[in-house]
Amino acid sequence: MRKLLAITLLLLGACGQQDSGSGNTSAEGPAGEGVAVIYTVNYPLAWMARTLAGDAARVIFPAPAGEDPAFWQPDTATLLQFQQADLVLLNGANYARWVAGVSLPASRLLDTSAAYRDQLLAVEAAPVHSHGPGGEHSHGDLAFTTWLDLELARGQLQAVAAALQQLLPGEAGAIAQRRDILDGELGALDARLVALGRQLAGAPLLYSHPVYQYLQRRYQLNGRALHWEPDQFPEEAHWSELESLLQTHPARLMLWEAAPGPEVTERLAALGVTVVVFAPMANRPGQGDFKTGMEANIAALEAAAVTAAPPQSAGG
C-alpha cells in the first residue's frame, strides 16, 4: 500500500498544484506565483511559521478542525500539496506517522525537534482506543507533544526561523526580529510554568489522556494519566479504577484536553477532583492563537493550584 501511494504521488507530481486554501485547509499569507508555500503537520508549527514569515510566505496547516493532527491521515490531493511545498515543517518524535509512508522531497523537510532528539521521551505501549474521527490508535512509542515543554518549543522556534531565513533570505532580518520577540514571549510563559511546578511541589495530579509527558518532565509535575475522552461518559469500571488510584495517588486536580460534560465534572467533584482544562494546542483553537491558548492554560492551572499545592510549613 505504501509503495502504491508513493508511486501515485510521483505520477501526480507533474500536475499543477491544487487550491490549497479550499475545504478545511487553514492558510494564511498571500497567494500567487513566486510566493513561498509552507506546509505544517500541527498548529504550533503553523503559528510559529506564520508569525515569523509575516506576508512573505503562505503557511498552510491542512488538518481539519476538531481532529488530532497526530493521527489524521491526509488524502491523496493533500499529500500532493505537501509534496509540492517549498518547505514542510515536521514536529519529529514520530508525530504524524503518515509522513514515513509517503514520498516527500527530503531537501524540503525540516524536523524541528532534531536538535534535541536525545531529550525525546519513550513511553510504554498504551491501550488501543479511539477519539474523534481518526479511528483507533495507541499513544505508545515516543511521546510527541514536545511543545508542551516550552523550552523545547523555543528550540523548535529557532529551527523554524533558521529554515525561513534560508528560504526567504530577503526577509532574514525581519524574521530574526520576530523570532526574538516570540522567544521572549515563550520564555515568559515557561517561567510561569516553572513557578507553578514549584508551587505544586509534587502534589499528585491526574491527566485525562497520556499527552502531558513533556509538561510533566519540564515542570516537575507528579501526574498519572488515564484514557478518558471529554465527549464520553466513562464506564463504571473506569470510575472504580479511578477511585482505587486515588487511594494511593490522592490527586485534587485533573488536567483535560477539553472540558468534559457536566455529569463528569460533577462526579469528579464528588471525589474531590477539580477539572482543569489544559489544551495541548495541537490543532487550531476556536479563538485566539497558540500564545493566548497557552496563557489560558497556565491561568487555569495557576488558579486551581491554590487548592492542590501542599500547605507551606511554618518555617517557610
C-alpha atoms as a PDB file:
ATOM      1  CA  MET A   1       0.000   0.000   0.000  1.00  0.00           C
ATOM      2  CA  ARG A   2       2.815   2.410   0.842  1.00  0.00           C
ATOM      3  CA  LYS A   3       4.568   1.646  -2.461  1.00  0.00           C
ATOM      4  CA  LEU A   4       1.331   2.267  -4.355  1.00  0.00           C
ATOM      5  CA  LEU A   5       0.799   5.594  -2.605  1.00  0.00           C
ATOM      6  CA  ALA A   6       4.369   6.701  -3.287  1.00  0.00           C
ATOM      7  CA  ILE A   7       4.045   5.801  -6.986  1.00  0.00           C
ATOM      8  CA  THR A   8       0.743   7.674  -7.168  1.00  0.00           C
ATOM      9  CA  LEU A   9       2.345  10.793  -5.731  1.00  0.00           C
ATOM     10  CA  LEU A  10       5.262  10.635  -8.127  1.00  0.00           C
ATOM     11  CA  LEU A  11       2.925  10.286 -11.104  1.00  0.00           C
ATOM     12  CA  LEU A  12       0.854  13.208  -9.900  1.00  0.00           C
ATOM     13  CA  GLY A  13       3.935  15.336  -9.326  1.00  0.00           C
ATOM     14  CA  ALA A  14       3.807  16.791 -12.843  1.00  0.00           C
ATOM     15  CA  CYS A  15       0.269  18.080 -12.311  1.00  0.00           C
ATOM     16  CA  GLY A  16      -0.422  21.649 -11.278  1.00  0.00           C
ATOM     17  CA  GLN A  17      -0.848  22.380  -7.590  1.00  0.00           C
ATOM     18  CA  GLN A  18      -4.457  22.328  -6.447  1.00  0.00           C
ATOM     19  CA  ASP A  19      -6.031  25.160  -4.494  1.00  0.00           C
ATOM     20  CA  SER A  20      -4.601  24.595  -1.036  1.00  0.00           C
ATOM     21  CA  GLY A  21      -6.889  27.165   0.522  1.00  0.00           C
ATOM     22  CA  SER A  22     -10.088  25.214  -0.137  1.00  0.00           C
ATOM     23  CA  GLY A  23     -12.046  22.886   2.086  1.00  0.00           C
ATOM     24  CA  ASN A  24     -10.765  22.517   5.638  1.00  0.00           C
ATOM     25  CA  THR A  25      -7.306  23.839   4.840  1.00  0.00           C
ATOM     26  CA  SER A  26      -6.102  26.615   7.124  1.00  0.00           C
ATOM     27  CA  ALA A  27      -3.909  29.042   5.219  1.00  0.00           C
ATOM     28  CA  GLU A  28      -2.578  32.499   5.812  1.00  0.00           C
ATOM     29  CA  GLY A  29      -0.447  34.781   3.699  1.00  0.00           C
ATOM     30  CA  PRO A  30      -0.620  35.927   0.094  1.00  0.00           C
ATOM     31  CA  ALA A  31      -1.416  33.618  -2.776  1.00  0.00           C
ATOM     32  CA  GLY A  32       0.166  33.903  -6.202  1.00  0.00           C
ATOM     33  CA  GLU A  33       3.160  32.986  -8.297  1.00  0.00           C
ATOM     34  CA  GLY A  34       6.547  33.203  -6.650  1.00  0.00           C
ATOM     35  CA  VAL A  35       5.224  33.162  -3.074  1.00  0.00           C
ATOM     36  CA  ALA A  36       6.817  30.522  -0.858  1.00  0.00           C
ATOM     37  CA  VAL A  37       4.393  27.845   0.342  1.00  0.00           C
ATOM     38  CA  ILE A  38       4.984  26.190   3.708  1.00  0.00           C
ATOM     39  CA  TYR A  39       3.055  23.169   5.000  1.00  0.00           C
ATOM     40  CA  THR A  40       3.000  22.064   8.634  1.00  0.00           C
ATOM     41  CA  VAL A  41       1.812  18.944  10.461  1.00  0.00           C
ATOM     42  CA  ASN A  42       0.438  20.686  13.553  1.00  0.00           C
ATOM     43  CA  TYR A  43      -0.813  24.042  14.726  1.00  0.00           C
ATOM     44  CA  PRO A  44       2.111  25.149  16.946  1.00  0.00           C
ATOM     45  CA  LEU A  45       4.460  24.958  13.957  1.00  0.00           C
ATOM     46  CA  ALA A  46       1.951  26.786  11.751  1.00  0.00           C
ATOM     47  CA  TRP A  47       1.652  29.545  14.349  1.00  0.00           C
ATOM     48  CA  MET A  48       5.424  29.904  14.543  1.00  0.00           C
ATOM     49  CA  ALA A  49       5.881  29.960  10.772  1.00  0.00           C
ATOM     50  CA  ARG A  50       3.035  32.404  10.152  1.00  0.00           C
ATOM     51  CA  THR A  51       4.222  34.805  12.817  1.00  0.00           C
ATOM     52  CA  LEU A  52       7.838  34.657  11.671  1.00  0.00           C
ATOM     53  CA  ALA A  53       7.202  34.885   7.922  1.00  0.00           C
ATOM     54  CA  GLY A  54       4.511  37.537   8.010  1.00  0.00           C
ATOM     55  CA  ASP A  55       3.278  38.261   4.483  1.00  0.00           C
ATOM     56  CA  ALA A  56       6.372  36.791   2.832  1.00  0.00           C
ATOM     57  CA  ALA A  57       5.024  33.229   2.680  1.00  0.00           C
ATOM     58  CA  ARG A  58       1.802  31.252   2.620  1.00  0.00           C
ATOM     59  CA  VAL A  59       1.626  28.891   5.591  1.00  0.00           C
ATOM     60  CA  ILE A  60      -0.825  26.007   5.351  1.00  0.00           C
ATOM     61  CA  PHE A  61      -1.922  23.633   8.101  1.00  0.00           C
ATOM     62  CA  PRO A  62      -4.445  21.330   6.395  1.00  0.00           C
ATOM     63  CA  ALA A  63      -5.719  19.145   9.252  1.00  0.00           C
ATOM     64  CA  PRO A  64      -9.448  19.722   9.829  1.00  0.00           C
ATOM     65  CA  ALA A  65     -10.553  21.472  12.989  1.00  0.00           C
ATOM     66  CA  GLY A  66     -11.625  19.091  15.727  1.00  0.00           C
ATOM     67  CA  GLU A  67      -9.254  16.286  14.720  1.00  0.00           C
ATOM     68  CA  ASP A  68      -5.997  15.308  16.372  1.00  0.00           C
ATOM     69  CA  PRO A  69      -3.343  16.117  13.739  1.00  0.00           C
ATOM     70  CA  ALA A  70      -1.075  13.417  15.169  1.00  0.00           C
ATOM     71  CA  PHE A  71      -3.450  10.705  13.901  1.00  0.00           C
ATOM     72  CA  TRP A  72      -5.090  12.485  10.981  1.00  0.00           C
ATOM     73  CA  GLN A  73      -4.393  10.949   7.551  1.00  0.00           C
ATOM     74  CA  PRO A  74      -4.312  13.378   4.578  1.00  0.00           C
ATOM     75  CA  ASP A  75      -5.935  12.328   1.324  1.00  0.00           C
ATOM     76  CA  THR A  76      -4.028  11.986  -1.937  1.00  0.00           C
ATOM     77  CA  ALA A  77      -4.748  15.545  -3.090  1.00  0.00           C
ATOM     78  CA  THR A  78      -3.419  16.968   0.163  1.00  0.00           C
ATOM     79  CA  LEU A  79      -0.367  14.723   0.024  1.00  0.00           C
ATOM     80  CA  LEU A  80       0.394  16.128  -3.409  1.00  0.00           C
ATOM     81  CA  GLN A  81       0.264  19.634  -1.981  1.00  0.00           C
ATOM     82  CA  PHE A  82       2.699  18.617   0.754  1.00  0.00           C
ATOM     83  CA  GLN A  83       4.975  17.208  -1.946  1.00  0.00           C
ATOM     84  CA  GLN A  84       4.954  20.472  -3.905  1.00  0.00           C
ATOM     85  CA  ALA A  85       5.511  22.779  -0.921  1.00  0.00           C
ATOM     86  CA  ASP A  86       8.700  24.809  -0.674  1.00  0.00           C
ATOM     87  CA  LEU A  87       9.105  23.738   2.961  1.00  0.00           C
ATOM     88  CA  VAL A  88       7.404  21.118   5.149  1.00  0.00           C
ATOM     89  CA  LEU A  89       7.704  21.584   8.894  1.00  0.00           C
ATOM     90  CA  LEU A  90       7.645  18.327  10.860  1.00  0.00           C
ATOM     91  CA  ASN A  91       7.365  18.039  14.612  1.00  0.00           C
ATOM     92  CA  GLY A  92       9.595  14.977  14.976  1.00  0.00           C
ATOM     93  CA  ALA A  93       9.157  12.349  17.715  1.00  0.00           C
ATOM     94  CA  ASN A  94       7.190  10.214  15.221  1.00  0.00           C
ATOM     95  CA  TYR A  95       4.430  12.815  15.102  1.00  0.00           C
ATOM     96  CA  ALA A  96       2.193  12.434  12.022  1.00  0.00           C
ATOM     97  CA  ARG A  97       3.402   8.938  11.188  1.00  0.00           C
ATOM     98  CA  TRP A  98       1.900   9.096   7.716  1.00  0.00           C
ATOM     99  CA  VAL A  99       4.991  11.084   6.676  1.00  0.00           C
ATOM    100  CA  ALA A 100       7.158   7.947   6.877  1.00  0.00           C
ATOM    101  CA  GLY A 101       4.963   6.108   4.378  1.00  0.00           C
ATOM    102  CA  VAL A 102       4.888   8.635   1.513  1.00  0.00           C
ATOM    103  CA  SER A 103       7.323  10.210  -0.904  1.00  0.00           C
ATOM    104  CA  LEU A 104       8.223  13.762   0.117  1.00  0.00           C
ATOM    105  CA  PRO A 105      11.341  15.678  -1.037  1.00  0.00           C
ATOM    106  CA  ALA A 106      13.881  15.194   1.750  1.00  0.00           C
ATOM    107  CA  SER A 107      15.553  18.522   0.964  1.00  0.00           C
ATOM    108  CA  ARG A 108      12.349  20.370   1.849  1.00  0.00           C
ATOM    109  CA  LEU A 109      11.613  18.590   5.130  1.00  0.00           C
ATOM    110  CA  LEU A 110      12.552  20.094   8.476  1.00  0.00           C
ATOM    111  CA  ASP A 111      12.387  18.023  11.661  1.00  0.00           C
ATOM    112  CA  THR A 112      12.013  20.863  14.138  1.00  0.00           C
ATOM    113  CA  SER A 113      12.925  18.695  17.134  1.00  0.00           C
ATOM    114  CA  ALA A 114      16.064  17.167  15.610  1.00  0.00           C
ATOM    115  CA  ALA A 115      18.389  19.289  17.753  1.00  0.00           C
ATOM    116  CA  TYR A 116      17.068  17.728  20.939  1.00  0.00           C
ATOM    117  CA  ARG A 117      16.404  14.188  19.750  1.00  0.00           C
ATOM    118  CA  ASP A 118      18.250  12.879  22.812  1.00  0.00           C
ATOM    119  CA  GLN A 119      15.607  14.535  25.021  1.00  0.00           C
ATOM    120  CA  LEU A 120      12.615  12.786  23.466  1.00  0.00           C
ATOM    121  CA  LEU A 121      10.654  10.619  25.867  1.00  0.00           C
ATOM    122  CA  ALA A 122       9.897   6.957  25.247  1.00  0.00           C
ATOM    123  CA  VAL A 123       6.558   5.743  26.554  1.00  0.00           C
ATOM    124  CA  GLU A 124       5.135   2.312  27.110  1.00  0.00           C
ATOM    125  CA  ALA A 125       2.616   0.960  24.634  1.00  0.00           C
ATOM    126  CA  ALA A 126      -0.794   2.195  25.700  1.00  0.00           C
ATOM    127  CA  PRO A 127      -4.177   0.530  25.153  1.00  0.00           C
ATOM    128  CA  VAL A 128      -5.637   0.934  21.674  1.00  0.00           C
ATOM    129  CA  HIS A 129      -8.554   3.356  21.747  1.00  0.00           C
ATOM    130  CA  SER A 130     -10.273   5.947  19.602  1.00  0.00           C
ATOM    131  CA  HIS A 131     -11.409   9.541  19.901  1.00  0.00           C
ATOM    132  CA  GLY A 132     -12.809  11.699  17.146  1.00  0.00           C
ATOM    133  CA  PRO A 133     -12.929  10.555  13.513  1.00  0.00           C
ATOM    134  CA  GLY A 134      -9.285   9.456  13.435  1.00  0.00           C
ATOM    135  CA  GLY A 135     -10.027   5.827  14.246  1.00  0.00           C
ATOM    136  CA  GLU A 136      -8.276   3.518  16.661  1.00  0.00           C
ATOM    137  CA  HIS A 137      -4.711   4.239  17.730  1.00  0.00           C
ATOM    138  CA  SER A 138      -2.267   3.923  20.597  1.00  0.00           C
ATOM    139  CA  HIS A 139      -0.100   6.553  22.295  1.00  0.00           C
ATOM    140  CA  GLY A 140       2.871   4.190  22.611  1.00  0.00           C
ATOM    141  CA  ASP A 141       6.441   4.528  21.274  1.00  0.00           C
ATOM    142  CA  LEU A 142       7.533   8.186  21.688  1.00  0.00           C
ATOM    143  CA  ALA A 143       5.738  10.992  23.454  1.00  0.00           C
ATOM    144  CA  PHE A 144       5.220  13.614  20.772  1.00  0.00           C
ATOM    145  CA  THR A 145       3.589  16.708  22.272  1.00  0.00           C
ATOM    146  CA  THR A 146       7.074  18.166  22.620  1.00  0.00           C
ATOM    147  CA  TRP A 147       5.951  21.821  22.560  1.00  0.00           C
ATOM    148  CA  LEU A 148       4.253  21.473  25.970  1.00  0.00           C
ATOM    149  CA  ASP A 149       7.780  21.837  27.303  1.00  0.00           C
ATOM    150  CA  LEU A 150       8.067  25.477  26.328  1.00  0.00           C
ATOM    151  CA  GLU A 151      11.845  25.313  26.468  1.00  0.00           C
ATOM    152  CA  LEU A 152      11.680  22.683  23.730  1.00  0.00           C
ATOM    153  CA  ALA A 153       9.134  24.828  21.886  1.00  0.00           C
ATOM    154  CA  ARG A 154      11.684  27.637  21.903  1.00  0.00           C
ATOM    155  CA  GLY A 155      14.141  25.229  20.276  1.00  0.00           C
ATOM    156  CA  GLN A 156      11.582  24.448  17.590  1.00  0.00           C
ATOM    157  CA  LEU A 157      11.091  28.180  17.079  1.00  0.00           C
ATOM    158  CA  GLN A 158      14.812  28.622  16.454  1.00  0.00           C
ATOM    159  CA  ALA A 159      14.784  25.778  13.913  1.00  0.00           C
ATOM    160  CA  VAL A 160      11.785  27.215  12.061  1.00  0.00           C
ATOM    161  CA  ALA A 161      13.334  30.689  11.992  1.00  0.00           C
ATOM    162  CA  ALA A 162      16.615  29.378  10.573  1.00  0.00           C
ATOM    163  CA  ALA A 163      14.788  27.467   7.830  1.00  0.00           C
ATOM    164  CA  LEU A 164      12.697  30.520   6.919  1.00  0.00           C
ATOM    165  CA  GLN A 165      15.760  32.736   6.741  1.00  0.00           C
ATOM    166  CA  GLN A 166      17.279  30.296   4.280  1.00  0.00           C
ATOM    167  CA  LEU A 167      14.064  30.064   2.259  1.00  0.00           C
ATOM    168  CA  LEU A 168      13.430  33.825   2.366  1.00  0.00           C
ATOM    169  CA  PRO A 169      16.861  35.491   2.516  1.00  0.00           C
ATOM    170  CA  GLY A 170      15.424  38.922   1.795  1.00  0.00           C
ATOM    171  CA  GLU A 171      13.344  38.658   4.973  1.00  0.00           C
ATOM    172  CA  ALA A 172      16.134  37.332   7.200  1.00  0.00           C
ATOM    173  CA  GLY A 173      16.369  40.475   9.325  1.00  0.00           C
ATOM    174  CA  ALA A 174      12.629  40.764   9.894  1.00  0.00           C
ATOM    175  CA  ILE A 175      12.404  37.064  10.717  1.00  0.00           C
ATOM    176  CA  ALA A 176      15.187  37.440  13.295  1.00  0.00           C
ATOM    177  CA  GLN A 177      13.353  40.328  14.957  1.00  0.00           C
ATOM    178  CA  ARG A 178      10.095  38.401  15.133  1.00  0.00           C
ATOM    179  CA  ARG A 179      11.940  35.315  16.381  1.00  0.00           C
ATOM    180  CA  ASP A 180      13.430  37.271  19.268  1.00  0.00           C
ATOM    181  CA  ILE A 181      10.023  38.647  20.249  1.00  0.00           C
ATOM    182  CA  LEU A 182       8.389  35.216  20.141  1.00  0.00           C
ATOM    183  CA  ASP A 183      11.268  33.647  22.019  1.00  0.00           C
ATOM    184  CA  GLY A 184      10.840  36.204  24.799  1.00  0.00           C
ATOM    185  CA  GLU A 185       7.099  35.559  24.966  1.00  0.00           C
ATOM    186  CA  LEU A 186       7.565  31.791  25.137  1.00  0.00           C
ATOM    187  CA  GLY A 187      10.276  32.288  27.747  1.00  0.00           C
ATOM    188  CA  ALA A 188       7.875  34.287  29.915  1.00  0.00           C
ATOM    189  CA  LEU A 189       5.238  31.554  29.683  1.00  0.00           C
ATOM    190  CA  ASP A 190       7.881  28.948  30.501  1.00  0.00           C
ATOM    191  CA  ALA A 191       8.876  30.903  33.627  1.00  0.00           C
ATOM    192  CA  ARG A 192       5.260  30.948  34.811  1.00  0.00           C
ATOM    193  CA  LEU A 193       5.041  27.175  34.433  1.00  0.00           C
ATOM    194  CA  VAL A 194       8.344  26.682  36.246  1.00  0.00           C
ATOM    195  CA  ALA A 195       6.937  28.716  39.128  1.00  0.00           C
ATOM    196  CA  LEU A 196       3.737  26.654  39.030  1.00  0.00           C
ATOM    197  CA  GLY A 197       5.704  23.440  39.269  1.00  0.00           C
ATOM    198  CA  ARG A 198       7.477  24.754  42.332  1.00  0.00           C
ATOM    199  CA  GLN A 199       4.175  25.822  43.861  1.00  0.00           C
ATOM    200  CA  LEU A 200       2.631  22.399  43.310  1.00  0.00           C
ATOM    201  CA  ALA A 201       5.736  20.827  44.872  1.00  0.00           C
ATOM    202  CA  GLY A 202       4.977  17.299  43.747  1.00  0.00           C
ATOM    203  CA  ALA A 203       1.280  17.355  44.598  1.00  0.00           C
ATOM    204  CA  PRO A 204      -0.449  14.425  42.873  1.00  0.00           C
ATOM    205  CA  LEU A 205      -2.291  15.269  39.648  1.00  0.00           C
ATOM    206  CA  LEU A 206      -4.319  13.356  37.082  1.00  0.00           C
ATOM    207  CA  TYR A 207      -4.291  13.671  33.290  1.00  0.00           C
ATOM    208  CA  SER A 208      -7.319  12.701  31.223  1.00  0.00           C
ATOM    209  CA  HIS A 209      -5.026  11.466  28.441  1.00  0.00           C
ATOM    210  CA  PRO A 210      -1.354  10.495  28.062  1.00  0.00           C
ATOM    211  CA  VAL A 211      -0.245  13.664  26.262  1.00  0.00           C
ATOM    212  CA  TYR A 212       1.372  15.663  29.053  1.00  0.00           C
ATOM    213  CA  GLN A 213       4.720  13.859  29.357  1.00  0.00           C
ATOM    214  CA  TYR A 214       6.894  16.821  28.369  1.00  0.00           C
ATOM    215  CA  LEU A 215       4.847  19.189  30.515  1.00  0.00           C
ATOM    216  CA  GLN A 216       5.380  16.858  33.454  1.00  0.00           C
ATOM    217  CA  ARG A 217       9.116  16.455  32.996  1.00  0.00           C
ATOM    218  CA  ARG A 218       9.948  20.110  32.398  1.00  0.00           C
ATOM    219  CA  TYR A 219       7.834  21.478  35.238  1.00  0.00           C
ATOM    220  CA  GLN A 220       8.395  18.590  37.681  1.00  0.00           C
ATOM    221  CA  LEU A 221       4.736  17.633  37.967  1.00  0.00           C
ATOM    222  CA  ASN A 222       3.511  14.426  39.583  1.00  0.00           C
ATOM    223  CA  GLY A 223       0.705  13.202  37.365  1.00  0.00           C
ATOM    224  CA  ARG A 224      -0.854   9.889  36.389  1.00  0.00           C
ATOM    225  CA  ALA A 225      -2.556   9.510  33.012  1.00  0.00           C
ATOM    226  CA  LEU A 226      -5.921   7.927  32.284  1.00  0.00           C
ATOM    227  CA  HIS A 227      -7.600   7.327  28.904  1.00  0.00           C
ATOM    228  CA  TRP A 228     -10.784   9.365  29.293  1.00  0.00           C
ATOM    229  CA  GLU A 229     -12.385  11.318  26.462  1.00  0.00           C
ATOM    230  CA  PRO A 230     -14.073  14.699  27.054  1.00  0.00           C
ATOM    231  CA  ASP A 231     -17.059  13.777  24.878  1.00  0.00           C
ATOM    232  CA  GLN A 232     -17.705  10.418  26.531  1.00  0.00           C
ATOM    233  CA  PHE A 233     -19.002   9.414  29.964  1.00  0.00           C
ATOM    234  CA  PRO A 234     -16.553   6.880  31.464  1.00  0.00           C
ATOM    235  CA  GLU A 235     -17.769   3.368  32.133  1.00  0.00           C
ATOM    236  CA  GLU A 236     -18.348   2.327  35.720  1.00  0.00           C
ATOM    237  CA  ALA A 237     -15.210   0.191  35.578  1.00  0.00           C
ATOM    238  CA  HIS A 238     -13.195   3.317  34.836  1.00  0.00           C
ATOM    239  CA  TRP A 239     -14.694   5.105  37.807  1.00  0.00           C
ATOM    240  CA  SER A 240     -13.799   2.156  40.020  1.00  0.00           C
ATOM    241  CA  GLU A 241     -10.218   2.242  38.701  1.00  0.00           C
ATOM    242  CA  LEU A 242     -10.050   5.955  39.444  1.00  0.00           C
ATOM    243  CA  GLU A 243     -11.311   5.501  42.999  1.00  0.00           C
ATOM    244  CA  SER A 244      -8.689   2.816  43.547  1.00  0.00           C
ATOM    245  CA  LEU A 245      -5.958   5.069  42.105  1.00  0.00           C
ATOM    246  CA  LEU A 246      -6.971   7.931  44.388  1.00  0.00           C
ATOM    247  CA  GLN A 247      -6.233   5.746  47.404  1.00  0.00           C
ATOM    248  CA  THR A 248      -2.512   5.828  46.579  1.00  0.00           C
ATOM    249  CA  HIS A 249      -2.387   8.956  44.416  1.00  0.00           C
ATOM    250  CA  PRO A 250      -4.781  11.432  46.092  1.00  0.00           C
ATOM    251  CA  ALA A 251      -4.997  13.956  43.285  1.00  0.00           C
ATOM    252  CA  ARG A 252      -7.185  17.024  43.643  1.00  0.00           C
ATOM    253  CA  LEU A 253      -6.733  18.314  40.080  1.00  0.00           C
ATOM    254  CA  MET A 254      -7.277  16.596  36.719  1.00  0.00           C
ATOM    255  CA  LEU A 255      -5.941  18.165  33.520  1.00  0.00           C
ATOM    256  CA  TRP A 256      -8.178  17.710  30.475  1.00  0.00           C
ATOM    257  CA  GLU A 257      -7.533  18.370  26.787  1.00  0.00           C
ATOM    258  CA  ALA A 258     -11.027  19.865  26.559  1.00  0.00           C
ATOM    259  CA  ALA A 259     -13.837  20.381  29.020  1.00  0.00           C
ATOM    260  CA  PRO A 260     -15.757  17.187  29.828  1.00  0.00           C
ATOM    261  CA  GLY A 261     -19.525  17.091  30.201  1.00  0.00           C
ATOM    262  CA  PRO A 262     -21.141  18.454  33.369  1.00  0.00           C
ATOM    263  CA  GLU A 263     -22.000  14.959  34.606  1.00  0.00           C
ATOM    264  CA  VAL A 264     -18.319  14.001  34.543  1.00  0.00           C
ATOM    265  CA  THR A 265     -17.275  17.258  36.199  1.00  0.00           C
ATOM    266  CA  GLU A 266     -19.832  16.802  38.960  1.00  0.00           C
ATOM    267  CA  ARG A 267     -18.888  13.199  39.658  1.00  0.00           C
ATOM    268  CA  LEU A 268     -15.207  14.089  39.793  1.00  0.00           C
ATOM    269  CA  ALA A 269     -16.014  16.922  42.171  1.00  0.00           C
ATOM    270  CA  ALA A 270     -17.799  14.428  44.424  1.00  0.00           C
ATOM    271  CA  LEU A 271     -14.481  12.563  44.593  1.00  0.00           C
ATOM    272  CA  GLY A 272     -12.658  15.782  45.475  1.00  0.00           C
ATOM    273  CA  VAL A 273     -11.155  16.222  41.997  1.00  0.00           C
ATOM    274  CA  THR A 274     -11.366  19.548  40.135  1.00  0.00           C
ATOM    275  CA  VAL A 275     -11.331  19.706  36.322  1.00  0.00           C
ATOM    276  CA  VAL A 276      -8.647  21.952  34.782  1.00  0.00           C
ATOM    277  CA  VAL A 277      -8.704  22.412  31.008  1.00  0.00           C
ATOM    278  CA  PHE A 278      -5.139  22.462  29.692  1.00  0.00           C
ATOM    279  CA  ALA A 279      -5.457  22.208  25.919  1.00  0.00           C
ATOM    280  CA  PRO A 280      -2.396  20.684  24.187  1.00  0.00           C
ATOM    281  CA  MET A 281      -2.911  23.142  21.305  1.00  0.00           C
ATOM    282  CA  ALA A 282      -2.045  20.595  18.610  1.00  0.00           C
ATOM    283  CA  ASN A 283      -4.889  21.915  16.452  1.00  0.00           C
ATOM    284  CA  ARG A 284      -6.021  25.486  15.917  1.00  0.00           C
ATOM    285  CA  PRO A 285      -8.080  26.914  18.786  1.00  0.00           C
ATOM    286  CA  GLY A 286     -11.616  28.173  18.311  1.00  0.00           C
ATOM    287  CA  GLN A 287     -10.352  31.670  19.018  1.00  0.00           C
ATOM    288  CA  GLY A 288      -7.003  33.308  19.659  1.00  0.00           C
ATOM    289  CA  ASP A 289      -3.706  31.642  18.854  1.00  0.00           C
ATOM    290  CA  PHE A 290      -1.046  29.438  20.418  1.00  0.00           C
ATOM    291  CA  LYS A 291       0.179  32.153  22.755  1.00  0.00           C
ATOM    292  CA  THR A 292      -3.257  33.144  24.044  1.00  0.00           C
ATOM    293  CA  GLY A 293      -4.226  29.487  24.329  1.00  0.00           C
ATOM    294  CA  MET A 294      -1.188  28.709  26.454  1.00  0.00           C
ATOM    295  CA  GLU A 295      -1.855  31.799  28.546  1.00  0.00           C
ATOM    296  CA  ALA A 296      -5.368  30.481  29.215  1.00  0.00           C
ATOM    297  CA  ASN A 297      -3.967  27.042  30.097  1.00  0.00           C
ATOM    298  CA  ILE A 298      -1.488  28.499  32.549  1.00  0.00           C
ATOM    299  CA  ALA A 299      -4.022  30.864  34.107  1.00  0.00           C
ATOM    300  CA  ALA A 300      -6.435  27.978  34.698  1.00  0.00           C
ATOM    301  CA  LEU A 301      -3.742  25.871  36.334  1.00  0.00           C
ATOM    302  CA  GLU A 302      -2.498  28.816  38.402  1.00  0.00           C
ATOM    303  CA  ALA A 303      -5.997  29.385  39.746  1.00  0.00           C
ATOM    304  CA  ALA A 304      -6.507  25.712  40.572  1.00  0.00           C
ATOM    305  CA  ALA A 305      -3.033  25.146  42.039  1.00  0.00           C
ATOM    306  CA  VAL A 306      -4.010  27.045  45.181  1.00  0.00           C
ATOM    307  CA  THR A 307      -6.187  24.115  46.218  1.00  0.00           C
ATOM    308  CA  ALA A 308      -3.794  21.383  45.135  1.00  0.00           C
ATOM    309  CA  ALA A 309      -0.452  22.655  46.423  1.00  0.00           C
ATOM    310  CA  PRO A 310       0.687  21.248  49.757  1.00  0.00           C
ATOM    311  CA  PRO A 311       0.498  23.708  52.666  1.00  0.00           C
ATOM    312  CA  GLN A 312       3.647  25.630  53.466  1.00  0.00           C
ATOM    313  CA  SER A 313       5.385  24.757  56.693  1.00  0.00           C
ATOM    314  CA  ALA A 314       5.543  27.312  59.464  1.00  0.00           C
ATOM    315  CA  GLY A 315       9.247  27.747  58.798  1.00  0.00           C
ATOM    316  CA  GLY A 316       8.660  28.922  55.242  1.00  0.00           C
END
